[in-house]
Amino acid sequence: MDYIIEHFQDGADFSHLINHGPPVELHVHNYYEIYLFMDGNVQFFIDNQSLILKPGDLILIRNDQIHGPKPLGKSMYERYIIHLPRKLIIELSSKKTNLLVCFDPEKSIH
């Protein structure tokens, strides 16, 4: 499987994207991702899974998961994306709220 490796700099990143046309390449990056699907006709790939998205679907993506949307047909698709570094997620967590668990229940803060 071919995919792109992306590296983000320090800090969180927020995007509101509306695309028409070819799919986004499958990719993986060093940040965690919160992906909120708003509109369109999209098949989303994450690791070995394929999902047909519905408006309002929220996907939490770990920093090691290969993923990407594929528009079905020539329709536009809209989404909000937040990229978060692991360090920030840990800083926002507390002894009672391990936010990494939202992305992967097997992970814990040590």
PDB file of N, CA and C in Angstrom:
ATOM      1  N   MET A   1       0.852  -1.174   0.000  1.00  0.00           N
ATOM      2  CA  MET A   1       0.000   0.000   0.000  1.00  0.00           C
ATOM      3  C   MET A   1       0.899   1.239   0.000  1.00  0.00           C
ATOM      4  N   ASP A   2       0.658   2.138  -0.924  1.00  0.00           N
ATOM      5  CA  ASP A   2       1.398   3.389  -0.991  1.00  0.00           C
ATOM      6  C   ASP A   2       0.695   4.451  -0.164  1.00  0.00           C
ATOM      7  N   TYR A   3       1.472   5.262   0.550  1.00  0.00           N
ATOM      8  CA  TYR A   3       0.904   6.362   1.325  1.00  0.00           C
ATOM      9  C   TYR A   3       1.970   7.431   1.542  1.00  0.00           C
ATOM     10  N   ILE A   4       1.515   8.615   1.913  1.00  0.00           N
ATOM     11  CA  ILE A   4       2.391   9.753   2.150  1.00  0.00           C
ATOM     12  C   ILE A   4       2.635   9.891   3.653  1.00  0.00           C
ATOM     13  N   ILE A   5       3.870  10.228   4.025  1.00  0.00           N
ATOM     14  CA  ILE A   5       4.189  10.495   5.428  1.00  0.00           C
ATOM     15  C   ILE A   5       4.310  12.008   5.583  1.00  0.00           C
ATOM     16  N   GLU A   6       3.491  12.580   6.460  1.00  0.00           N
ATOM     17  CA  GLU A   6       3.501  14.021   6.697  1.00  0.00           C
ATOM     18  C   GLU A   6       4.036  14.303   8.099  1.00  0.00           C
ATOM     19  N   HIS A   7       4.772  15.413   8.234  1.00  0.00           N
ATOM     20  CA  HIS A   7       5.279  15.831   9.540  1.00  0.00           C
ATOM     21  C   HIS A   7       4.820  17.257   9.797  1.00  0.00           C
ATOM     22  N   PHE A   8       4.094  17.451  10.888  1.00  0.00           N
ATOM     23  CA  PHE A   8       3.643  18.773  11.284  1.00  0.00           C
ATOM     24  C   PHE A   8       4.613  19.359  12.294  1.00  0.00           C
ATOM     25  N   GLN A   9       4.656  20.655  12.376  1.00  0.00           N
ATOM     26  CA  GLN A   9       5.496  21.348  13.348  1.00  0.00           C
ATOM     27  C   GLN A   9       4.763  21.425  14.686  1.00  0.00           C
ATOM     28  N   ASP A  10       5.382  22.063  15.669  1.00  0.00           N
ATOM     29  CA  ASP A  10       4.785  22.185  17.000  1.00  0.00           C
ATOM     30  C   ASP A  10       3.458  22.917  16.947  1.00  0.00           C
ATOM     31  N   GLY A  11       2.589  22.585  17.887  1.00  0.00           N
ATOM     32  CA  GLY A  11       1.310  23.271  18.021  1.00  0.00           C
ATOM     33  C   GLY A  11       0.183  22.550  17.308  1.00  0.00           C
ATOM     34  N   ALA A  12      -1.026  22.929  17.649  1.00  0.00           N
ATOM     35  CA  ALA A  12      -2.218  22.349  17.051  1.00  0.00           C
ATOM     36  C   ALA A  12      -2.518  23.055  15.727  1.00  0.00           C
ATOM     37  N   ASP A  13      -3.280  22.372  14.878  1.00  0.00           N
ATOM     38  CA  ASP A  13      -3.634  22.905  13.570  1.00  0.00           C
ATOM     39  C   ASP A  13      -5.120  22.631  13.341  1.00  0.00           C
ATOM     40  N   PHE A  14      -5.853  23.639  12.849  1.00  0.00           N
ATOM     41  CA  PHE A  14      -7.280  23.502  12.591  1.00  0.00           C
ATOM     42  C   PHE A  14      -7.548  23.861  11.133  1.00  0.00           C
ATOM     43  N   SER A  15      -8.384  23.054  10.459  1.00  0.00           N
ATOM     44  CA  SER A  15      -8.726  23.322   9.058  1.00  0.00           C
ATOM     45  C   SER A  15     -10.210  23.070   8.822  1.00  0.00           C
ATOM     46  N   HIS A  16     -10.806  23.900   7.977  1.00  0.00           N
ATOM     47  CA  HIS A  16     -12.145  23.669   7.437  1.00  0.00           C
ATOM     48  C   HIS A  16     -11.944  23.533   5.941  1.00  0.00           C
ATOM     49  N   LEU A  17     -12.211  22.338   5.405  1.00  0.00           N
ATOM     50  CA  LEU A  17     -11.903  22.055   4.005  1.00  0.00           C
ATOM     51  C   LEU A  17     -13.146  21.655   3.231  1.00  0.00           C
ATOM     52  N   ILE A  18     -13.246  22.193   2.013  1.00  0.00           N
ATOM     53  CA  ILE A  18     -14.285  21.794   1.063  1.00  0.00           C
ATOM     54  C   ILE A  18     -13.553  21.461  -0.225  1.00  0.00           C
ATOM     55  N   ASN A  19     -13.676  20.213  -0.671  1.00  0.00           N
ATOM     56  CA  ASN A  19     -12.968  19.770  -1.863  1.00  0.00           C
ATOM     57  C   ASN A  19     -13.930  19.261  -2.923  1.00  0.00           C
ATOM     58  N   HIS A  20     -13.515  19.424  -4.156  1.00  0.00           N
ATOM     59  CA  HIS A  20     -14.162  18.818  -5.315  1.00  0.00           C
ATOM     60  C   HIS A  20     -13.042  18.087  -6.052  1.00  0.00           C
ATOM     61  N   GLY A  21     -13.323  16.906  -6.527  1.00  0.00           N
ATOM     62  CA  GLY A  21     -12.316  16.287  -7.371  1.00  0.00           C
ATOM     63  C   GLY A  21     -11.655  15.071  -6.792  1.00  0.00           C
ATOM     64  N   PRO A  22     -10.365  14.895  -7.132  1.00  0.00           N
ATOM     65  CA  PRO A  22      -9.687  13.635  -6.822  1.00  0.00           C
ATOM     66  C   PRO A  22      -9.541  13.404  -5.320  1.00  0.00           C
ATOM     67  N   PRO A  23      -9.386  12.133  -4.931  1.00  0.00           N
ATOM     68  CA  PRO A  23      -9.249  11.816  -3.507  1.00  0.00           C
ATOM     69  C   PRO A  23      -7.957  12.348  -2.922  1.00  0.00           C
ATOM     70  N   VAL A  24      -7.969  12.544  -1.627  1.00  0.00           N
ATOM     71  CA  VAL A  24      -6.757  12.867  -0.890  1.00  0.00           C
ATOM     72  C   VAL A  24      -5.955  11.574  -0.802  1.00  0.00           C
ATOM     73  N   GLU A  25      -4.656  11.668  -1.011  1.00  0.00           N
ATOM     74  CA  GLU A  25      -3.802  10.476  -0.929  1.00  0.00           C
ATOM     75  C   GLU A  25      -3.887   9.865   0.471  1.00  0.00           C
ATOM     76  N   LEU A  26      -3.786   8.540   0.532  1.00  0.00           N
ATOM     77  CA  LEU A  26      -3.648   7.905   1.839  1.00  0.00           C
ATOM     78  C   LEU A  26      -2.387   8.464   2.480  1.00  0.00           C
ATOM     79  N   HIS A  27      -2.455   8.730   3.776  1.00  0.00           N
ATOM     80  CA  HIS A  27      -1.325   9.356   4.447  1.00  0.00           C
ATOM     81  C   HIS A  27      -1.296   8.975   5.920  1.00  0.00           C
ATOM     82  N   VAL A  28      -0.180   9.264   6.538  1.00  0.00           N
ATOM     83  CA  VAL A  28       0.010   9.087   7.969  1.00  0.00           C
ATOM     84  C   VAL A  28       0.846  10.278   8.431  1.00  0.00           C
ATOM     85  N   HIS A  29       0.645  10.725   9.654  1.00  0.00           N
ATOM     86  CA  HIS A  29       1.419  11.862  10.142  1.00  0.00           C
ATOM     87  C   HIS A  29       1.712  11.717  11.622  1.00  0.00           C
ATOM     88  N   ASN A  30       2.572  12.584  12.105  1.00  0.00           N
ATOM     89  CA  ASN A  30       3.050  12.490  13.481  1.00  0.00           C
ATOM     90  C   ASN A  30       2.087  13.095  14.499  1.00  0.00           C
ATOM     91  N   TYR A  31       0.950  13.605  14.065  1.00  0.00           N
ATOM     92  CA  TYR A  31      -0.043  14.185  14.975  1.00  0.00           C
ATOM     93  C   TYR A  31      -1.282  13.311  15.047  1.00  0.00           C
ATOM     94  N   TYR A  32      -2.020  13.441  16.132  1.00  0.00           N
ATOM     95  CA  TYR A  32      -3.337  12.833  16.241  1.00  0.00           C
ATOM     96  C   TYR A  32      -4.312  13.723  15.474  1.00  0.00           C
ATOM     97  N   GLU A  33      -5.389  13.131  14.981  1.00  0.00           N
ATOM     98  CA  GLU A  33      -6.327  13.893  14.158  1.00  0.00           C
ATOM     99  C   GLU A  33      -7.763  13.668  14.621  1.00  0.00           C
ATOM    100  N   ILE A  34      -8.504  14.764  14.697  1.00  0.00           N
ATOM    101  CA  ILE A  34      -9.950  14.716  14.924  1.00  0.00           C
ATOM    102  C   ILE A  34     -10.584  15.157  13.610  1.00  0.00           C
ATOM    103  N   TYR A  35     -11.371  14.287  13.004  1.00  0.00           N
ATOM    104  CA  TYR A  35     -11.935  14.504  11.675  1.00  0.00           C
ATOM    105  C   TYR A  35     -13.456  14.512  11.797  1.00  0.00           C
ATOM    106  N   LEU A  36     -14.080  15.652  11.547  1.00  0.00           N
ATOM    107  CA  LEU A  36     -15.538  15.784  11.607  1.00  0.00           C
ATOM    108  C   LEU A  36     -16.067  15.944  10.192  1.00  0.00           C
ATOM    109  N   PHE A  37     -16.790  14.941   9.721  1.00  0.00           N
ATOM    110  CA  PHE A  37     -17.356  14.954   8.370  1.00  0.00           C
ATOM    111  C   PHE A  37     -18.653  15.742   8.378  1.00  0.00           C
ATOM    112  N   MET A  38     -18.773  16.687   7.447  1.00  0.00           N
ATOM    113  CA  MET A  38     -19.947  17.561   7.400  1.00  0.00           C
ATOM    114  C   MET A  38     -20.899  17.236   6.260  1.00  0.00           C
ATOM    115  N   ASP A  39     -20.359  16.992   5.055  1.00  0.00           N
ATOM    116  CA  ASP A  39     -21.241  16.831   3.906  1.00  0.00           C
ATOM    117  C   ASP A  39     -20.493  16.165   2.759  1.00  0.00           C
ATOM    118  N   GLY A  40     -21.241  15.508   1.890  1.00  0.00           N
ATOM    119  CA  GLY A  40     -20.670  14.902   0.698  1.00  0.00           C
ATOM    120  C   GLY A  40     -20.932  13.412   0.654  1.00  0.00           C
ATOM    121  N   ASN A  41     -20.308  12.772  -0.308  1.00  0.00           N
ATOM    122  CA  ASN A  41     -20.426  11.336  -0.517  1.00  0.00           C
ATOM    123  C   ASN A  41     -19.008  10.782  -0.523  1.00  0.00           C
ATOM    124  N   VAL A  42     -18.577  10.251   0.623  1.00  0.00           N
ATOM    125  CA  VAL A  42     -17.171   9.906   0.824  1.00  0.00           C
ATOM    126  C   VAL A  42     -17.026   8.515   1.430  1.00  0.00           C
ATOM    127  N   GLN A  43     -16.042   7.798   0.923  1.00  0.00           N
ATOM    128  CA  GLN A  43     -15.597   6.554   1.535  1.00  0.00           C
ATOM    129  C   GLN A  43     -14.293   6.891   2.246  1.00  0.00           C
ATOM    130  N   PHE A  44     -14.190   6.538   3.515  1.00  0.00           N
ATOM    131  CA  PHE A  44     -13.011   6.878   4.305  1.00  0.00           C
ATOM    132  C   PHE A  44     -12.259   5.603   4.637  1.00  0.00           C
ATOM    133  N   PHE A  45     -10.959   5.634   4.384  1.00  0.00           N
ATOM    134  CA  PHE A  45     -10.099   4.493   4.682  1.00  0.00           C
ATOM    135  C   PHE A  45      -9.257   4.812   5.912  1.00  0.00           C
ATOM    136  N   ILE A  46      -9.206   3.860   6.839  1.00  0.00           N
ATOM    137  CA  ILE A  46      -8.353   3.999   8.019  1.00  0.00           C
ATOM    138  C   ILE A  46      -7.812   2.609   8.347  1.00  0.00           C
ATOM    139  N   ASP A  47      -6.490   2.495   8.252  1.00  0.00           N
ATOM    140  CA  ASP A  47      -5.816   1.207   8.371  1.00  0.00           C
ATOM    141  C   ASP A  47      -6.481   0.217   7.414  1.00  0.00           C
ATOM    142  N   ASN A  48      -7.028  -0.858   7.906  1.00  0.00           N
ATOM    143  CA  ASN A  48      -7.628  -1.863   7.020  1.00  0.00           C
ATOM    144  C   ASN A  48      -9.147  -1.779   6.975  1.00  0.00           C
ATOM    145  N   GLN A  49      -9.706  -0.637   7.364  1.00  0.00           N
ATOM    146  CA  GLN A  49     -11.156  -0.471   7.370  1.00  0.00           C
ATOM    147  C   GLN A  49     -11.587   0.529   6.307  1.00  0.00           C
ATOM    148  N   SER A  50     -12.807   0.351   5.845  1.00  0.00           N
ATOM    149  CA  SER A  50     -13.408   1.278   4.891  1.00  0.00           C
ATOM    150  C   SER A  50     -14.786   1.664   5.428  1.00  0.00           C
ATOM    151  N   LEU A  51     -15.053   2.967   5.500  1.00  0.00           N
ATOM    152  CA  LEU A  51     -16.316   3.462   6.044  1.00  0.00           C
ATOM    153  C   LEU A  51     -16.983   4.392   5.039  1.00  0.00           C
ATOM    154  N   ILE A  52     -18.294   4.296   4.890  1.00  0.00           N
ATOM    155  CA  ILE A  52     -19.055   5.287   4.132  1.00  0.00           C
ATOM    156  C   ILE A  52     -19.520   6.312   5.164  1.00  0.00           C
ATOM    157  N   LEU A  53     -19.064   7.555   5.015  1.00  0.00           N
ATOM    158  CA  LEU A  53     -19.336   8.576   6.031  1.00  0.00           C
ATOM    159  C   LEU A  53     -20.716   9.205   5.856  1.00  0.00           C
ATOM    160  N   LYS A  54     -21.293   9.584   6.999  1.00  0.00           N
ATOM    161  CA  LYS A  54     -22.550  10.329   7.052  1.00  0.00           C
ATOM    162  C   LYS A  54     -22.276  11.662   7.733  1.00  0.00           C
ATOM    163  N   PRO A  55     -23.006  12.717   7.364  1.00  0.00           N
ATOM    164  CA  PRO A  55     -22.792  14.010   8.026  1.00  0.00           C
ATOM    165  C   PRO A  55     -22.856  13.860   9.548  1.00  0.00           C
ATOM    166  N   GLY A  56     -21.886  14.444  10.219  1.00  0.00           N
ATOM    167  CA  GLY A  56     -21.816  14.368  11.675  1.00  0.00           C
ATOM    168  C   GLY A  56     -20.900  13.268  12.179  1.00  0.00           C
ATOM    169  N   ASP A  57     -20.427  12.383  11.299  1.00  0.00           N
ATOM    170  CA  ASP A  57     -19.495  11.339  11.740  1.00  0.00           C
ATOM    171  C   ASP A  57     -18.204  11.981  12.239  1.00  0.00           C
ATOM    172  N   LEU A  58     -17.722  11.477  13.360  1.00  0.00           N
ATOM    173  CA  LEU A  58     -16.492  11.961  13.972  1.00  0.00           C
ATOM    174  C   LEU A  58     -15.511  10.795  14.041  1.00  0.00           C
ATOM    175  N   ILE A  59     -14.325  11.004  13.491  1.00  0.00           N
ATOM    176  CA  ILE A  59     -13.312   9.958  13.480  1.00  0.00           C
ATOM    177  C   ILE A  59     -12.104  10.464  14.259  1.00  0.00           C
ATOM    178  N   LEU A  60     -11.632   9.666  15.203  1.00  0.00           N
ATOM    179  CA  LEU A  60     -10.434   9.980  15.970  1.00  0.00           C
ATOM    180  C   LEU A  60      -9.314   9.089  15.449  1.00  0.00           C
ATOM    181  N   ILE A  61      -8.242   9.717  14.976  1.00  0.00           N
ATOM    182  CA  ILE A  61      -7.182   9.001  14.271  1.00  0.00           C
ATOM    183  C   ILE A  61      -5.876   9.144  15.035  1.00  0.00           C
ATOM    184  N   ARG A  62      -5.262   8.009  15.359  1.00  0.00           N
ATOM    185  CA  ARG A  62      -3.963   8.019  16.037  1.00  0.00           C
ATOM    186  C   ARG A  62      -2.869   8.506  15.084  1.00  0.00           C
ATOM    187  N   ASN A  63      -1.736   8.821  15.643  1.00  0.00           N
ATOM    188  CA  ASN A  63      -0.614   9.334  14.861  1.00  0.00           C
ATOM    189  C   ASN A  63       0.108   8.263  14.048  1.00  0.00           C
ATOM    190  N   ASP A  64      -0.312   7.027  14.113  1.00  0.00           N
ATOM    191  CA  ASP A  64       0.338   5.954  13.349  1.00  0.00           C
ATOM    192  C   ASP A  64      -0.629   5.247  12.399  1.00  0.00           C
ATOM    193  N   GLN A  65      -1.808   5.790  12.202  1.00  0.00           N
ATOM    194  CA  GLN A  65      -2.806   5.127  11.360  1.00  0.00           C
ATOM    195  C   GLN A  65      -2.810   5.723   9.952  1.00  0.00           C
ATOM    196  N   ILE A  66      -2.709   4.852   8.957  1.00  0.00           N
ATOM    197  CA  ILE A  66      -2.799   5.261   7.565  1.00  0.00           C
ATOM    198  C   ILE A  66      -4.271   5.519   7.264  1.00  0.00           C
ATOM    199  N   HIS A  67      -4.561   6.681   6.657  1.00  0.00           N
ATOM    200  CA  HIS A  67      -5.957   7.052   6.451  1.00  0.00           C
ATOM    201  C   HIS A  67      -6.113   8.041   5.295  1.00  0.00           C
ATOM    202  N   GLY A  68      -7.353   8.232   4.869  1.00  0.00           N
ATOM    203  CA  GLY A  68      -7.653   9.226   3.846  1.00  0.00           C
ATOM    204  C   GLY A  68      -9.049   9.051   3.285  1.00  0.00           C
ATOM    205  N   PRO A  69      -9.667  10.161   2.840  1.00  0.00           N
ATOM    206  CA  PRO A  69     -10.999  10.106   2.243  1.00  0.00           C
ATOM    207  C   PRO A  69     -10.922   9.884   0.738  1.00  0.00           C
ATOM    208  N   LYS A  70     -11.941   9.228   0.198  1.00  0.00           N
ATOM    209  CA  LYS A  70     -12.077   9.062  -1.247  1.00  0.00           C
ATOM    210  C   LYS A  70     -13.483   9.512  -1.625  1.00  0.00           C
ATOM    211  N   PRO A  71     -13.605  10.655  -2.324  1.00  0.00           N
ATOM    212  CA  PRO A  71     -14.933  11.096  -2.752  1.00  0.00           C
ATOM    213  C   PRO A  71     -15.525  10.086  -3.724  1.00  0.00           C
ATOM    214  N   LEU A  72     -16.812   9.827  -3.589  1.00  0.00           N
ATOM    215  CA  LEU A  72     -17.510   8.931  -4.500  1.00  0.00           C
ATOM    216  C   LEU A  72     -18.237   9.786  -5.530  1.00  0.00           C
ATOM    217  N   GLY A  73     -17.885   9.642  -6.767  1.00  0.00           N
ATOM    218  CA  GLY A  73     -18.445  10.498  -7.802  1.00  0.00           C
ATOM    219  C   GLY A  73     -17.705  11.830  -7.821  1.00  0.00           C
ATOM    220  N   LYS A  74     -18.351  12.833  -8.370  1.00  0.00           N
ATOM    221  CA  LYS A  74     -17.711  14.145  -8.496  1.00  0.00           C
ATOM    222  C   LYS A  74     -18.275  15.150  -7.508  1.00  0.00           C
ATOM    223  N   SER A  75     -18.905  14.651  -6.467  1.00  0.00           N
ATOM    224  CA  SER A  75     -19.505  15.558  -5.490  1.00  0.00           C
ATOM    225  C   SER A  75     -18.433  16.186  -4.606  1.00  0.00           C
ATOM    226  N   MET A  76     -18.753  17.329  -4.046  1.00  0.00           N
ATOM    227  CA  MET A  76     -17.847  17.976  -3.106  1.00  0.00           C
ATOM    228  C   MET A  76     -17.964  17.262  -1.761  1.00  0.00           C
ATOM    229  N   TYR A  77     -16.943  17.450  -0.937  1.00  0.00           N
ATOM    230  CA  TYR A  77     -17.055  16.972   0.438  1.00  0.00           C
ATOM    231  C   TYR A  77     -16.450  18.007   1.367  1.00  0.00           C
ATOM    232  N   GLU A  78     -17.058  18.094   2.557  1.00  0.00           N
ATOM    233  CA  GLU A  78     -16.686  19.116   3.525  1.00  0.00           C
ATOM    234  C   GLU A  78     -16.368  18.454   4.854  1.00  0.00           C
ATOM    235  N   ARG A  79     -15.290  18.958   5.489  1.00  0.00           N
ATOM    236  CA  ARG A  79     -14.929  18.421   6.798  1.00  0.00           C
ATOM    237  C   ARG A  79     -14.129  19.456   7.589  1.00  0.00           C
ATOM    238  N   TYR A  80     -14.112  19.246   8.902  1.00  0.00           N
ATOM    239  CA  TYR A  80     -13.269  20.000   9.818  1.00  0.00           C
ATOM    240  C   TYR A  80     -12.207  19.035  10.324  1.00  0.00           C
ATOM    241  N   ILE A  81     -10.981  19.514  10.402  1.00  0.00           N
ATOM    242  CA  ILE A  81      -9.881  18.671  10.871  1.00  0.00           C
ATOM    243  C   ILE A  81      -9.081  19.435  11.927  1.00  0.00           C
ATOM    244  N   ILE A  82      -8.789  18.743  13.021  1.00  0.00           N
ATOM    245  CA  ILE A  82      -7.904  19.285  14.048  1.00  0.00           C
ATOM    246  C   ILE A  82      -6.739  18.308  14.196  1.00  0.00           C
ATOM    247  N   HIS A  83      -5.511  18.815  14.074  1.00  0.00           N
ATOM    248  CA  HIS A  83      -4.315  18.009  14.314  1.00  0.00           C
ATOM    249  C   HIS A  83      -3.735  18.421  15.659  1.00  0.00           C
ATOM    250  N   LEU A  84      -3.447  17.423  16.486  1.00  0.00           N
ATOM    251  CA  LEU A  84      -2.935  17.666  17.837  1.00  0.00           C
ATOM    252  C   LEU A  84      -1.685  16.839  18.082  1.00  0.00           C
ATOM    253  N   PRO A  85      -0.625  17.464  18.604  1.00  0.00           N
ATOM    254  CA  PRO A  85       0.552  16.673  18.972  1.00  0.00           C
ATOM    255  C   PRO A  85       0.274  15.874  20.254  1.00  0.00           C
ATOM    256  N   ARG A  86       0.902  14.735  20.360  1.00  0.00           N
ATOM    257  CA  ARG A  86       0.732  13.881  21.544  1.00  0.00           C
ATOM    258  C   ARG A  86       1.018  14.668  22.823  1.00  0.00           C
ATOM    259  N   LYS A  87       2.061  15.485  22.806  1.00  0.00           N
ATOM    260  CA  LYS A  87       2.449  16.253  23.992  1.00  0.00           C
ATOM    261  C   LYS A  87       1.303  17.139  24.476  1.00  0.00           C
ATOM    262  N   LEU A  88       0.593  17.785  23.555  1.00  0.00           N
ATOM    263  CA  LEU A  88      -0.528  18.653  23.938  1.00  0.00           C
ATOM    264  C   LEU A  88      -1.678  17.832  24.522  1.00  0.00           C
ATOM    265  N   ILE A  89      -1.952  16.684  23.946  1.00  0.00           N
ATOM    266  CA  ILE A  89      -3.030  15.830  24.474  1.00  0.00           C
ATOM    267  C   ILE A  89      -2.708  15.413  25.907  1.00  0.00           C
ATOM    268  N   ILE A  90      -1.462  15.071  26.155  1.00  0.00           N
ATOM    269  CA  ILE A  90      -1.045  14.690  27.506  1.00  0.00           C
ATOM    270  C   ILE A  90      -1.167  15.884  28.459  1.00  0.00           C
ATOM    271  N   GLU A  91      -0.749  17.071  28.003  1.00  0.00           N
ATOM    272  CA  GLU A  91      -0.841  18.276  28.844  1.00  0.00           C
ATOM    273  C   GLU A  91      -2.293  18.623  29.184  1.00  0.00           C
ATOM    274  N   LEU A  92      -3.217  18.373  28.263  1.00  0.00           N
ATOM    275  CA  LEU A  92      -4.630  18.671  28.499  1.00  0.00           C
ATOM    276  C   LEU A  92      -5.314  17.596  29.340  1.00  0.00           C
ATOM    277  N   SER A  93      -4.658  16.465  29.506  1.00  0.00           N
ATOM    278  CA  SER A  93      -5.194  15.376  30.323  1.00  0.00           C
ATOM    279  C   SER A  93      -4.940  15.669  31.797  1.00  0.00           C
ATOM    280  N   SER A  94      -5.584  14.901  32.662  1.00  0.00           N
ATOM    281  CA  SER A  94      -5.350  14.997  34.100  1.00  0.00           C
ATOM    282  C   SER A  94      -5.200  13.583  34.651  1.00  0.00           C
ATOM    283  N   LYS A  95      -5.036  13.484  35.943  1.00  0.00           N
ATOM    284  CA  LYS A  95      -4.945  12.155  36.552  1.00  0.00           C
ATOM    285  C   LYS A  95      -6.234  11.368  36.359  1.00  0.00           C
ATOM    286  N   LYS A  96      -7.348  12.064  36.234  1.00  0.00           N
ATOM    287  CA  LYS A  96      -8.651  11.407  36.068  1.00  0.00           C
ATOM    288  C   LYS A  96      -9.109  11.329  34.620  1.00  0.00           C
ATOM    289  N   THR A  97      -8.509  12.117  33.730  1.00  0.00           N
ATOM    290  CA  THR A  97      -8.948  12.148  32.333  1.00  0.00           C
ATOM    291  C   THR A  97      -7.754  11.976  31.397  1.00  0.00           C
ATOM    292  N   ASN A  98      -7.532  10.756  30.961  1.00  0.00           N
ATOM    293  CA  ASN A  98      -6.480  10.453  30.007  1.00  0.00           C
ATOM    294  C   ASN A  98      -7.068  10.593  28.604  1.00  0.00           C
ATOM    295  N   LEU A  99      -6.829  11.721  27.951  1.00  0.00           N
ATOM    296  CA  LEU A  99      -7.440  11.987  26.653  1.00  0.00           C
ATOM    297  C   LEU A  99      -6.896  11.099  25.539  1.00  0.00           C
ATOM    298  N   LEU A 100      -5.736  10.491  25.728  1.00  0.00           N
ATOM    299  CA  LEU A 100      -5.224   9.563  24.724  1.00  0.00           C
ATOM    300  C   LEU A 100      -6.128   8.343  24.576  1.00  0.00           C
ATOM    301  N   VAL A 101      -6.849   8.008  25.635  1.00  0.00           N
ATOM    302  CA  VAL A 101      -7.755   6.856  25.585  1.00  0.00           C
ATOM    303  C   VAL A 101      -8.834   7.056  24.525  1.00  0.00           C
ATOM    304  N   CYS A 102      -9.190   8.299  24.237  1.00  0.00           N
ATOM    305  CA  CYS A 102     -10.176   8.578  23.205  1.00  0.00           C
ATOM    306  C   CYS A 102      -9.694   8.078  21.847  1.00  0.00           C
ATOM    307  N   PHE A 103      -8.403   8.126  21.620  1.00  0.00           N
ATOM    308  CA  PHE A 103      -7.830   7.703  20.341  1.00  0.00           C
ATOM    309  C   PHE A 103      -7.478   6.215  20.340  1.00  0.00           C
ATOM    310  N   ASP A 104      -7.125   5.702  21.505  1.00  0.00           N
ATOM    311  CA  ASP A 104      -6.725   4.303  21.596  1.00  0.00           C
ATOM    312  C   ASP A 104      -6.843   3.841  23.041  1.00  0.00           C
ATOM    313  N   PRO A 105      -7.841   3.041  23.358  1.00  0.00           N
ATOM    314  CA  PRO A 105      -8.047   2.625  24.744  1.00  0.00           C
ATOM    315  C   PRO A 105      -6.885   1.815  25.317  1.00  0.00           C
ATOM    316  N   GLU A 106      -5.979   1.306  24.469  1.00  0.00           N
ATOM    317  CA  GLU A 106      -4.837   0.531  24.950  1.00  0.00           C
ATOM    318  C   GLU A 106      -3.722   1.443  25.466  1.00  0.00           C
ATOM    319  N   LYS A 107      -3.764   2.725  25.128  1.00  0.00           N
ATOM    320  CA  LYS A 107      -2.697   3.652  25.530  1.00  0.00           C
ATOM    321  C   LYS A 107      -3.002   4.221  26.911  1.00  0.00           C
ATOM    322  N   SER A 108      -1.969   4.573  27.626  1.00  0.00           N
ATOM    323  CA  SER A 108      -2.136   5.262  28.912  1.00  0.00           C
ATOM    324  C   SER A 108      -0.950   6.183  29.121  1.00  0.00           C
ATOM    325  N   ILE A 109      -1.117   7.151  29.987  1.00  0.00           N
ATOM    326  CA  ILE A 109      -0.048   8.097  30.294  1.00  0.00           C
ATOM    327  C   ILE A 109       0.800   7.521  31.419  1.00  0.00           C
ATOM    328  N   HIS A 110       2.094   7.476  31.224  1.00  0.00           N
ATOM    329  CA  HIS A 110       3.011   6.981  32.267  1.00  0.00           C
ATOM    330  C   HIS A 110       3.876   8.103  32.765  1.00  0.00           C
TER     331      HIS A 110
END
